[in-house]
C-alpha atoms as a PDB file:
ATOM      1  CA  MET A   1      37.639   2.978  29.000  1.00  0.00           C
ATOM      2  CA  ARG A   2      36.320   1.364  25.849  1.00  0.00           C
ATOM      3  CA  ASN A   3      38.378   1.250  22.642  1.00  0.00           C
ATOM      4  CA  ASP A   4      35.575   1.360  20.069  1.00  0.00           C
ATOM      5  CA  VAL A   5      36.516   4.750  18.635  1.00  0.00           C
ATOM      6  CA  ALA A   6      37.531   3.081  15.368  1.00  0.00           C
ATOM      7  CA  ARG A   7      33.949   2.083  14.529  1.00  0.00           C
ATOM      8  CA  GLN A   8      33.268   3.202  10.955  1.00  0.00           C
ATOM      9  CA  ALA A   9      30.170   4.538   9.185  1.00  0.00           C
ATOM     10  CA  THR A  10      28.886   3.973   5.681  1.00  0.00           C
ATOM     11  CA  ASP A  11      28.140   6.771   3.220  1.00  0.00           C
ATOM     12  CA  GLY A  12      24.404   6.257   3.523  1.00  0.00           C
ATOM     13  CA  ASP A  13      24.221   6.619   7.294  1.00  0.00           C
ATOM     14  CA  ARG A  14      22.190   9.504   8.681  1.00  0.00           C
ATOM     15  CA  SER A  15      23.831   8.949  12.031  1.00  0.00           C
ATOM     16  CA  PRO A  16      26.538  11.523  12.797  1.00  0.00           C
ATOM     17  CA  GLU A  17      30.081  10.559  13.631  1.00  0.00           C
ATOM     18  CA  VAL A  18      29.952  12.969  16.585  1.00  0.00           C
ATOM     19  CA  LEU A  19      26.757  14.162  18.270  1.00  0.00           C
ATOM     20  CA  CYS A  20      27.107  17.374  20.301  1.00  0.00           C
ATOM     21  CA  ILE A  21      24.297  18.099  22.771  1.00  0.00           C
ATOM     22  CA  GLY A  22      23.671  21.347  24.621  1.00  0.00           C
ATOM     23  CA  GLU A  23      22.374  24.899  24.610  1.00  0.00           C
ATOM     24  CA  SER A  24      23.594  27.540  22.210  1.00  0.00           C
ATOM     25  CA  MET A  25      22.600  31.180  22.326  1.00  0.00           C
ATOM     26  CA  ILE A  26      22.785  34.247  20.187  1.00  0.00           C
ATOM     27  CA  LEU A  27      26.042  35.977  21.025  1.00  0.00           C
ATOM     28  CA  VAL A  28      26.132  39.762  20.937  1.00  0.00           C
ATOM     29  CA  THR A  29      29.714  41.012  20.792  1.00  0.00           C
ATOM     30  CA  PRO A  30      31.502  44.239  19.874  1.00  0.00           C
ATOM     31  CA  THR A  31      33.013  44.021  16.414  1.00  0.00           C
ATOM     32  CA  ASP A  32      36.354  44.972  17.980  1.00  0.00           C
ATOM     33  CA  PRO A  33      37.532  44.081  21.489  1.00  0.00           C
ATOM     34  CA  SER A  34      35.993  47.164  23.121  1.00  0.00           C
ATOM     35  CA  PRO A  35      33.952  47.147  26.360  1.00  0.00           C
ATOM     36  CA  LEU A  36      30.175  46.980  26.028  1.00  0.00           C
ATOM     37  CA  GLU A  37      29.817  50.398  27.661  1.00  0.00           C
ATOM     38  CA  SER A  38      31.799  52.180  24.965  1.00  0.00           C
ATOM     39  CA  ALA A  39      31.591  49.961  21.861  1.00  0.00           C
ATOM     40  CA  GLU A  40      29.629  51.430  18.970  1.00  0.00           C
ATOM     41  CA  HIS A  41      29.289  48.477  16.600  1.00  0.00           C
ATOM     42  CA  PHE A  42      28.106  44.979  17.405  1.00  0.00           C
ATOM     43  CA  ALA A  43      27.630  41.676  15.615  1.00  0.00           C
ATOM     44  CA  LEU A  44      25.369  38.699  16.182  1.00  0.00           C
ATOM     45  CA  HIS A  45      26.939  35.249  16.208  1.00  0.00           C
ATOM     46  CA  VAL A  46      26.191  31.791  17.555  1.00  0.00           C
ATOM     47  CA  GLY A  47      27.687  31.117  20.951  1.00  0.00           C
ATOM     48  CA  GLY A  48      27.609  27.764  22.672  1.00  0.00           C
ATOM     49  CA  ALA A  49      30.094  25.136  23.770  1.00  0.00           C
ATOM     50  CA  GLU A  50      28.627  22.124  22.014  1.00  0.00           C
ATOM     51  CA  SER A  51      27.677  23.820  18.738  1.00  0.00           C
ATOM     52  CA  THR A  52      31.183  25.316  18.587  1.00  0.00           C
ATOM     53  CA  VAL A  53      32.676  21.830  18.859  1.00  0.00           C
ATOM     54  CA  ALA A  54      30.301  20.587  16.145  1.00  0.00           C
ATOM     55  CA  LEU A  55      31.228  23.485  13.843  1.00  0.00           C
ATOM     56  CA  TYR A  56      34.971  22.918  14.105  1.00  0.00           C
ATOM     57  CA  LEU A  57      34.536  19.164  13.642  1.00  0.00           C
ATOM     58  CA  ALA A  58      32.474  19.715  10.484  1.00  0.00           C
ATOM     59  CA  GLU A  59      35.164  22.030   9.177  1.00  0.00           C
ATOM     60  CA  ARG A  60      37.709  19.262   9.711  1.00  0.00           C
ATOM     61  CA  GLY A  61      35.664  16.858   7.610  1.00  0.00           C
ATOM     62  CA  HIS A  62      33.702  14.953  10.242  1.00  0.00           C
ATOM     63  CA  ARG A  63      29.959  14.300  10.152  1.00  0.00           C
ATOM     64  CA  SER A  64      28.840  16.244  13.209  1.00  0.00           C
ATOM     65  CA  ALA A  65      25.388  17.013  14.538  1.00  0.00           C
ATOM     66  CA  TRP A  66      24.115  19.445  17.142  1.00  0.00           C
ATOM     67  CA  LEU A  67      21.088  18.544  19.283  1.00  0.00           C
ATOM     68  CA  SER A  68      19.408  21.350  21.170  1.00  0.00           C
ATOM     69  CA  GLN A  69      16.212  23.348  21.604  1.00  0.00           C
ATOM     70  CA  VAL A  70      15.442  26.927  20.522  1.00  0.00           C
ATOM     71  CA  GLY A  71      12.519  29.286  20.779  1.00  0.00           C
ATOM     72  CA  ASP A  72      10.033  29.891  18.000  1.00  0.00           C
ATOM     73  CA  ASP A  73      11.600  33.274  17.306  1.00  0.00           C
ATOM     74  CA  PRO A  74      13.874  34.989  14.755  1.00  0.00           C
ATOM     75  CA  LEU A  75      16.972  34.465  16.913  1.00  0.00           C
ATOM     76  CA  GLY A  76      16.375  30.726  17.130  1.00  0.00           C
ATOM     77  CA  ARG A  77      15.856  30.425  13.390  1.00  0.00           C
ATOM     78  CA  ARG A  78      18.916  32.563  12.741  1.00  0.00           C
ATOM     79  CA  MET A  79      21.028  30.377  14.998  1.00  0.00           C
ATOM     80  CA  VAL A  80      19.967  27.059  13.488  1.00  0.00           C
ATOM     81  CA  ALA A  81      20.560  28.391   9.971  1.00  0.00           C
ATOM     82  CA  ALA A  82      23.993  29.706  10.936  1.00  0.00           C
ATOM     83  CA  VAL A  83      25.105  26.362  12.360  1.00  0.00           C
ATOM     84  CA  ALA A  84      23.696  24.388   9.427  1.00  0.00           C
ATOM     85  CA  LYS A  85      25.450  26.722   6.975  1.00  0.00           C
ATOM     86  CA  TYR A  86      28.799  25.191   7.911  1.00  0.00           C
ATOM     87  CA  GLY A  87      27.714  21.601   7.407  1.00  0.00           C
ATOM     88  CA  VAL A  88      26.511  20.638  10.883  1.00  0.00           C
ATOM     89  CA  ASP A  89      23.420  18.419  10.962  1.00  0.00           C
ATOM     90  CA  THR A  90      20.679  20.267  12.882  1.00  0.00           C
ATOM     91  CA  SER A  91      17.986  17.598  12.397  1.00  0.00           C
ATOM     92  CA  TRP A  92      17.590  17.102  16.155  1.00  0.00           C
ATOM     93  CA  VAL A  93      17.147  20.742  17.120  1.00  0.00           C
ATOM     94  CA  ARG A  94      13.604  21.140  18.457  1.00  0.00           C
ATOM     95  CA  VAL A  95      11.519  24.317  18.618  1.00  0.00           C
ATOM     96  CA  ASP A  96       9.759  25.253  21.859  1.00  0.00           C
ATOM     97  CA  ALA A  97       6.983  27.749  21.158  1.00  0.00           C
ATOM     98  CA  GLU A  98       6.576  28.589  24.844  1.00  0.00           C
ATOM     99  CA  ALA A  99      10.117  29.751  25.679  1.00  0.00           C
ATOM    100  CA  PRO A 100      12.681  32.100  24.099  1.00  0.00           C
ATOM    101  CA  THR A 101      16.080  31.497  22.592  1.00  0.00           C
ATOM    102  CA  GLY A 102      18.834  32.470  25.038  1.00  0.00           C
ATOM    103  CA  VAL A 103      21.097  35.478  24.472  1.00  0.00           C
ATOM    104  CA  TYR A 104      24.437  36.468  25.942  1.00  0.00           C
ATOM    105  CA  PHE A 105      26.849  39.368  25.656  1.00  0.00           C
ATOM    106  CA  LYS A 106      30.632  39.422  25.676  1.00  0.00           C
ATOM    107  CA  ASP A 107      32.253  42.373  27.425  1.00  0.00           C
ATOM    108  CA  PRO A 108      35.913  42.412  26.336  1.00  0.00           C
ATOM    109  CA  GLY A 109      38.400  44.053  28.672  1.00  0.00           C
ATOM    110  CA  LEU A 110      42.123  44.283  29.239  1.00  0.00           C
ATOM    111  CA  GLY A 111      43.332  40.740  29.809  1.00  0.00           C
ATOM    112  CA  SER A 112      39.897  39.256  30.412  1.00  0.00           C
ATOM    113  CA  THR A 113      36.352  39.024  29.116  1.00  0.00           C
ATOM    114  CA  ARG A 114      33.192  39.146  31.182  1.00  0.00           C
ATOM    115  CA  VAL A 115      30.112  37.330  29.951  1.00  0.00           C
ATOM    116  CA  TYR A 116      26.521  38.335  30.682  1.00  0.00           C
ATOM    117  CA  TYR A 117      23.898  35.627  30.225  1.00  0.00           C
ATOM    118  CA  TYR A 118      20.200  36.128  29.556  1.00  0.00           C
ATOM    119  CA  ARG A 119      19.206  32.482  29.446  1.00  0.00           C
ATOM    120  CA  ALA A 120      16.942  31.872  32.466  1.00  0.00           C
ATOM    121  CA  GLY A 121      13.852  30.015  31.291  1.00  0.00           C
ATOM    122  CA  SER A 122      15.252  29.575  27.786  1.00  0.00           C
ATOM    123  CA  ALA A 123      13.944  26.941  25.405  1.00  0.00           C
ATOM    124  CA  ALA A 124      17.108  24.879  25.826  1.00  0.00           C
ATOM    125  CA  SER A 125      16.820  24.914  29.614  1.00  0.00           C
ATOM    126  CA  ARG A 126      13.564  22.970  29.151  1.00  0.00           C
ATOM    127  CA  MET A 127      15.205  20.026  27.375  1.00  0.00           C
ATOM    128  CA  THR A 128      14.553  16.550  28.777  1.00  0.00           C
ATOM    129  CA  GLY A 129      15.504  12.981  28.009  1.00  0.00           C
ATOM    130  CA  ALA A 130      12.708  12.968  25.436  1.00  0.00           C
ATOM    131  CA  ASN A 131      14.889  15.142  23.187  1.00  0.00           C
ATOM    132  CA  LEU A 132      16.821  11.960  22.381  1.00  0.00           C
ATOM    133  CA  ASP A 133      13.779  10.033  21.159  1.00  0.00           C
ATOM    134  CA  ASP A 134      14.502  10.337  17.429  1.00  0.00           C
ATOM    135  CA  VAL A 135      18.303  10.138  17.497  1.00  0.00           C
ATOM    136  CA  ASP A 136      19.960   7.635  15.163  1.00  0.00           C
ATOM    137  CA  TRP A 137      23.003   6.276  17.028  1.00  0.00           C
ATOM    138  CA  SER A 138      23.881   3.598  14.468  1.00  0.00           C
ATOM    139  CA  ALA A 139      27.205   5.082  13.344  1.00  0.00           C
ATOM    140  CA  THR A 140      27.888   7.581  16.112  1.00  0.00           C
ATOM    141  CA  ARG A 141      31.333   7.181  17.614  1.00  0.00           C
ATOM    142  CA  ILE A 142      31.371  10.022  20.168  1.00  0.00           C
ATOM    143  CA  VAL A 143      28.711  12.029  21.976  1.00  0.00           C
ATOM    144  CA  HIS A 144      30.002  15.325  23.357  1.00  0.00           C
ATOM    145  CA  VAL A 145      28.365  17.153  26.272  1.00  0.00           C
ATOM    146  CA  SER A 146      29.430  19.699  28.864  1.00  0.00           C
ATOM    147  CA  GLY A 147      28.839  20.678  32.447  1.00  0.00           C
ATOM    148  CA  ILE A 148      27.020  23.801  31.312  1.00  0.00           C
ATOM    149  CA  THR A 149      23.972  21.667  30.515  1.00  0.00           C
ATOM    150  CA  ALA A 150      23.968  20.195  34.006  1.00  0.00           C
ATOM    151  CA  GLY A 151      23.691  23.679  35.491  1.00  0.00           C
ATOM    152  CA  LEU A 152      20.743  24.850  33.412  1.00  0.00           C
ATOM    153  CA  SER A 153      17.911  22.937  35.082  1.00  0.00           C
ATOM    154  CA  ALA A 154      16.833  19.681  36.679  1.00  0.00           C
ATOM    155  CA  THR A 155      15.350  18.536  33.368  1.00  0.00           C
ATOM    156  CA  CYS A 156      18.661  19.171  31.635  1.00  0.00           C
ATOM    157  CA  ARG A 157      20.363  16.979  34.224  1.00  0.00           C
ATOM    158  CA  ASP A 158      17.769  14.335  33.343  1.00  0.00           C
ATOM    159  CA  LEU A 159      18.781  14.809  29.708  1.00  0.00           C
ATOM    160  CA  LEU A 160      22.419  14.124  30.570  1.00  0.00           C
ATOM    161  CA  SER A 161      21.436  10.975  32.450  1.00  0.00           C
ATOM    162  CA  ALA A 162      19.573   9.832  29.352  1.00  0.00           C
ATOM    163  CA  VAL A 163      22.569  10.682  27.148  1.00  0.00           C
ATOM    164  CA  TYR A 164      24.922   8.598  29.291  1.00  0.00           C
ATOM    165  CA  ALA A 165      22.497   5.687  29.343  1.00  0.00           C
ATOM    166  CA  ALA A 166      21.952   5.798  25.575  1.00  0.00           C
ATOM    167  CA  ALA A 167      25.681   6.044  24.914  1.00  0.00           C
ATOM    168  CA  ARG A 168      26.323   2.937  26.997  1.00  0.00           C
ATOM    169  CA  ARG A 169      23.556   1.017  25.222  1.00  0.00           C
ATOM    170  CA  HIS A 170      24.902   1.944  21.786  1.00  0.00           C
ATOM    171  CA  GLU A 171      28.610   1.642  22.744  1.00  0.00           C
ATOM    172  CA  VAL A 172      29.300   5.278  21.984  1.00  0.00           C
ATOM    173  CA  LEU A 173      32.182   7.088  23.695  1.00  0.00           C
ATOM    174  CA  ILE A 174      31.148   9.900  26.045  1.00  0.00           C
ATOM    175  CA  SER A 175      33.179  13.093  25.780  1.00  0.00           C
ATOM    176  CA  PHE A 176      32.583  15.429  28.729  1.00  0.00           C
ATOM    177  CA  ASP A 177      33.932  18.969  29.048  1.00  0.00           C
ATOM    178  CA  VAL A 178      33.622  20.082  32.677  1.00  0.00           C
ATOM    179  CA  ASN A 179      33.099  23.680  31.498  1.00  0.00           C
ATOM    180  CA  HIS A 180      32.083  25.123  34.858  1.00  0.00           C
ATOM    181  CA  ARG A 181      30.401  28.503  34.428  1.00  0.00           C
ATOM    182  CA  PRO A 182      30.161  30.432  37.728  1.00  0.00           C
ATOM    183  CA  GLY A 183      27.465  32.579  36.127  1.00  0.00           C
ATOM    184  CA  VAL A 184      25.319  29.462  35.686  1.00  0.00           C
ATOM    185  CA  TRP A 185      25.824  27.859  39.131  1.00  0.00           C
ATOM    186  CA  PRO A 186      28.203  28.251  42.069  1.00  0.00           C
ATOM    187  CA  ALA A 187      31.206  25.990  42.502  1.00  0.00           C
ATOM    188  CA  ASP A 188      30.014  24.360  45.729  1.00  0.00           C
ATOM    189  CA  GLU A 189      26.783  23.245  44.061  1.00  0.00           C
ATOM    190  CA  ALA A 190      28.417  22.261  40.775  1.00  0.00           C
ATOM    191  CA  ALA A 191      31.459  20.392  42.118  1.00  0.00           C
ATOM    192  CA  PRO A 192      29.878  17.036  43.090  1.00  0.00           C
ATOM    193  CA  VAL A 193      27.611  16.923  40.037  1.00  0.00           C
ATOM    194  CA  LEU A 194      30.459  17.635  37.620  1.00  0.00           C
ATOM    195  CA  LEU A 195      32.773  15.165  39.361  1.00  0.00           C
ATOM    196  CA  ASP A 196      30.171  12.421  38.984  1.00  0.00           C
ATOM    197  CA  LEU A 197      29.677  13.198  35.285  1.00  0.00           C
ATOM    198  CA  ALA A 198      33.437  13.229  34.718  1.00  0.00           C
ATOM    199  CA  ARG A 199      33.928   9.889  36.455  1.00  0.00           C
ATOM    200  CA  ARG A 200      31.308   8.265  34.220  1.00  0.00           C
ATOM    201  CA  ALA A 201      32.674   9.634  30.931  1.00  0.00           C
ATOM    202  CA  ASP A 202      35.295   8.165  28.592  1.00  0.00           C
ATOM    203  CA  ILE A 203      37.026  11.434  27.653  1.00  0.00           C
ATOM    204  CA  VAL A 204      37.201  14.396  30.039  1.00  0.00           C
ATOM    205  CA  PHE A 205      38.350  17.958  29.363  1.00  0.00           C
ATOM    206  CA  VAL A 206      38.986  20.293  32.284  1.00  0.00           C
ATOM    207  CA  GLY A 207      40.933  23.495  32.809  1.00  0.00           C
ATOM    208  CA  ARG A 208      43.520  23.456  35.570  1.00  0.00           C
ATOM    209  CA  ASP A 209      41.930  26.594  37.016  1.00  0.00           C
ATOM    210  CA  GLU A 210      38.426  25.119  37.130  1.00  0.00           C
ATOM    211  CA  ALA A 211      39.681  21.830  38.609  1.00  0.00           C
ATOM    212  CA  GLU A 212      41.298  23.841  41.393  1.00  0.00           C
ATOM    213  CA  ARG A 213      38.145  25.930  41.867  1.00  0.00           C
ATOM    214  CA  LEU A 214      35.848  22.898  41.955  1.00  0.00           C
ATOM    215  CA  TRP A 215      37.918  20.146  43.525  1.00  0.00           C
ATOM    216  CA  GLN A 216      41.021  21.856  44.998  1.00  0.00           C
ATOM    217  CA  VAL A 217      43.386  19.883  42.747  1.00  0.00           C
ATOM    218  CA  GLY A 218      45.004  21.020  39.511  1.00  0.00           C
ATOM    219  CA  ASP A 219      47.978  18.814  38.713  1.00  0.00           C
ATOM    220  CA  PRO A 220      46.940  16.416  35.900  1.00  0.00           C
ATOM    221  CA  THR A 221      47.945  13.269  37.786  1.00  0.00           C
ATOM    222  CA  ALA A 222      46.138  14.491  40.907  1.00  0.00           C
ATOM    223  CA  VAL A 223      42.977  15.185  38.899  1.00  0.00           C
ATOM    224  CA  ALA A 224      43.221  11.713  37.364  1.00  0.00           C
ATOM    225  CA  ALA A 225      43.560  10.200  40.844  1.00  0.00           C
ATOM    226  CA  LEU A 226      40.506  12.133  42.003  1.00  0.00           C
ATOM    227  CA  LEU A 227      38.442  10.820  39.088  1.00  0.00           C
ATOM    228  CA  ASP A 228      39.535   7.288  40.031  1.00  0.00           C
ATOM    229  CA  ALA A 229      38.023   5.954  36.810  1.00  0.00           C
ATOM    230  CA  PRO A 230      39.347   4.613  33.487  1.00  0.00           C
ATOM    231  CA  VAL A 231      38.936   7.897  31.609  1.00  0.00           C
ATOM    232  CA  ARG A 232      41.150   9.659  29.092  1.00  0.00           C
ATOM    233  CA  LEU A 233      41.754  12.975  30.867  1.00  0.00           C
ATOM    234  CA  VAL A 234      42.878  16.223  29.239  1.00  0.00           C
ATOM    235  CA  VAL A 235      43.913  19.061  31.556  1.00  0.00           C
ATOM    236  CA  LYS A 236      44.306  22.471  29.903  1.00  0.00           C
ATOM    237  CA  ASP A 237      46.572  25.013  31.547  1.00  0.00           C
ATOM    238  CA  GLY A 238      45.999  28.220  29.572  1.00  0.00           C
ATOM    239  CA  GLU A 239      49.106  29.674  27.962  1.00  0.00           C
ATOM    240  CA  VAL A 240      51.280  26.935  29.516  1.00  0.00           C
ATOM    241  CA  GLY A 241      49.972  23.881  27.646  1.00  0.00           C
ATOM    242  CA  ALA A 242      47.805  20.805  27.953  1.00  0.00           C
ATOM    243  CA  SER A 243      48.357  17.273  29.278  1.00  0.00           C
ATOM    244  CA  GLU A 244      46.722  13.946  28.530  1.00  0.00           C
ATOM    245  CA  VAL A 245      46.575  11.314  31.254  1.00  0.00           C
ATOM    246  CA  ALA A 246      45.233   7.914  30.232  1.00  0.00           C
ATOM    247  CA  PRO A 247      45.171   4.531  31.991  1.00  0.00           C
ATOM    248  CA  GLY A 248      48.306   2.483  31.438  1.00  0.00           C
ATOM    249  CA  ALA A 249      50.214   5.297  29.729  1.00  0.00           C
ATOM    250  CA  ALA A 250      52.659   7.980  30.788  1.00  0.00           C
ATOM    251  CA  PRO A 251      51.241  11.537  30.869  1.00  0.00           C
ATOM    252  CA  VAL A 252      51.849  13.520  27.672  1.00  0.00           C
ATOM    253  CA  PHE A 253      52.315  17.307  27.695  1.00  0.00           C
ATOM    254  CA  VAL A 254      52.292  19.689  24.712  1.00  0.00           C
ATOM    255  CA  PRO A 255      52.922  23.430  25.227  1.00  0.00           C
ATOM    256  CA  SER A 256      50.428  26.017  24.020  1.00  0.00           C
ATOM    257  CA  ARG A 257      50.959  28.047  20.860  1.00  0.00           C
ATOM    258  CA  ARG A 258      52.199  31.605  21.187  1.00  0.00           C
ATOM    259  CA  VAL A 259      49.372  33.855  20.071  1.00  0.00           C
ATOM    260  CA  GLU A 260      48.210  37.425  20.525  1.00  0.00           C
ATOM    261  CA  VAL A 261      45.054  36.954  22.562  1.00  0.00           C
ATOM    262  CA  VAL A 262      42.064  39.025  21.533  1.00  0.00           C
ATOM    263  CA  GLU A 263      39.449  37.212  23.633  1.00  0.00           C
ATOM    264  CA  VAL A 264      39.429  33.846  25.400  1.00  0.00           C
ATOM    265  CA  VAL A 265      35.810  32.607  25.487  1.00  0.00           C
ATOM    266  CA  GLY A 266      35.344  29.655  23.113  1.00  0.00           C
ATOM    267  CA  ALA A 267      38.988  28.606  22.981  1.00  0.00           C
ATOM    268  CA  GLY A 268      38.384  25.563  25.174  1.00  0.00           C
ATOM    269  CA  ASP A 269      35.663  24.316  22.858  1.00  0.00           C
ATOM    270  CA  ALA A 270      37.914  24.809  19.828  1.00  0.00           C
ATOM    271  CA  PHE A 271      40.592  22.814  21.662  1.00  0.00           C
ATOM    272  CA  ALA A 272      38.145  19.974  22.356  1.00  0.00           C
ATOM    273  CA  ALA A 273      37.182  19.823  18.667  1.00  0.00           C
ATOM    274  CA  GLY A 274      40.783  19.596  17.511  1.00  0.00           C
ATOM    275  CA  TYR A 275      41.549  16.908  20.056  1.00  0.00           C
ATOM    276  CA  LEU A 276      38.461  14.842  19.214  1.00  0.00           C
ATOM    277  CA  SER A 277      39.160  15.148  15.496  1.00  0.00           C
ATOM    278  CA  GLU A 278      42.574  13.575  15.899  1.00  0.00           C
ATOM    279  CA  LEU A 279      41.215  10.976  18.320  1.00  0.00           C
ATOM    280  CA  LEU A 280      38.757   9.910  15.624  1.00  0.00           C
ATOM    281  CA  ARG A 281      41.704   9.610  13.241  1.00  0.00           C
ATOM    282  CA  GLU A 282      43.473   7.440  15.836  1.00  0.00           C
ATOM    283  CA  SER A 283      46.407   9.828  16.113  1.00  0.00           C
ATOM    284  CA  GLU A 284      48.921   9.708  18.948  1.00  0.00           C
ATOM    285  CA  PRO A 285      48.325  11.784  22.119  1.00  0.00           C
ATOM    286  CA  ALA A 286      50.805  14.517  21.147  1.00  0.00           C
ATOM    287  CA  ALA A 287      49.054  14.987  17.794  1.00  0.00           C
ATOM    288  CA  ARG A 288      45.685  15.192  19.521  1.00  0.00           C
ATOM    289  CA  LEU A 289      46.898  17.869  21.923  1.00  0.00           C
ATOM    290  CA  SER A 290      48.642  19.765  19.132  1.00  0.00           C
ATOM    291  CA  ALA A 291      45.469  19.868  17.041  1.00  0.00           C
ATOM    292  CA  GLY A 292      43.630  21.215  20.055  1.00  0.00           C
ATOM    293  CA  HIS A 293      46.175  23.969  20.493  1.00  0.00           C
ATOM    294  CA  ASP A 294      45.969  24.874  16.793  1.00  0.00           C
ATOM    295  CA  LEU A 295      42.210  25.462  16.873  1.00  0.00           C
ATOM    296  CA  ALA A 296      42.354  27.176  20.257  1.00  0.00           C
ATOM    297  CA  ALA A 297      44.958  29.613  18.917  1.00  0.00           C
ATOM    298  CA  ARG A 298      42.636  30.513  16.059  1.00  0.00           C
ATOM    299  CA  SER A 299      39.753  31.107  18.445  1.00  0.00           C
ATOM    300  CA  LEU A 300      41.900  33.266  20.731  1.00  0.00           C
ATOM    301  CA  SER A 301      42.598  35.646  17.848  1.00  0.00           C
ATOM    302  CA  SER A 302      38.930  36.683  17.528  1.00  0.00           C
ATOM    303  CA  THR A 303      35.886  37.795  19.536  1.00  0.00           C
ATOM    304  CA  HIS A 304      33.889  34.962  17.881  1.00  0.00           C
ATOM    305  CA  ASP A 305      33.355  31.553  19.481  1.00  0.00           C
ATOM    306  CA  PHE A 306      33.716  29.952  16.048  1.00  0.00           C
ATOM    307  CA  LEU A 307      36.112  31.520  13.550  1.00  0.00           C
ATOM    308  CA  PRO A 308      35.939  29.781  10.152  1.00  0.00           C
ATOM    309  CA  SER A 309      39.184  29.095   8.344  1.00  0.00           C
ATOM    310  CA  LEU A 310      40.028  31.381   5.440  1.00  0.00           C
END
């Protein structure tokens, strides 16, 4: 695991401090946590793991950018404008005139939320390594990606290979959120691909439940042993807490915040943003985990993926 996170940027740099790469979609959600079948009022928001991380990082004062691809349609334009509104650099979002912007629906229910995706053949699923051609890596300290991208298409897996290669060339830390979505691809197909991506990253986020579903291990030290690589591993265990396991250091655990949960989708991405923010500030592990819990608690109190601070 490299220790170049302290690399600094100058005020004139166009290069972001953190580059977040992946698909975002228009999120259709009831304005209150009612099921889709009975809800009467809905809102349109941006939903996507990587853009959510970029939004929270921008809110915390970091120069973040989101790289993706959208359709040449009103939903794509709406989404890019919404992300840019909060200070995220959208310079590397491309428009594909031959494919639509993806859409998904949240269906809140008692104790859980179901998600319905309408993303097959979306503009973002057609991304390739060429989407990186114009990226300025000169001051980038972290690139953040997730396993969702790997499940979208073969060309998106090519994109991730290009991201990893570029990050190594430019000495940029790779942050990888396993983020397995059963609605995107089944666990038996995803497991080896996601394990390989995790082993080659510098920072890995995984939920205990998804580690058990994918790899039949959930204890943080057991997951670290499975990765068998010098990565900084963060295992999230829902309402229990989160642990960091890093080479040469004792595991650190911080319990979750007590919060009235409205809806859970997006909380993991908020957690990753809080953690990465404090990592960039060179805070101690407990402070990193605590910042993750703080943003996750905010996300859990809303049906939105990104809930701006008041």
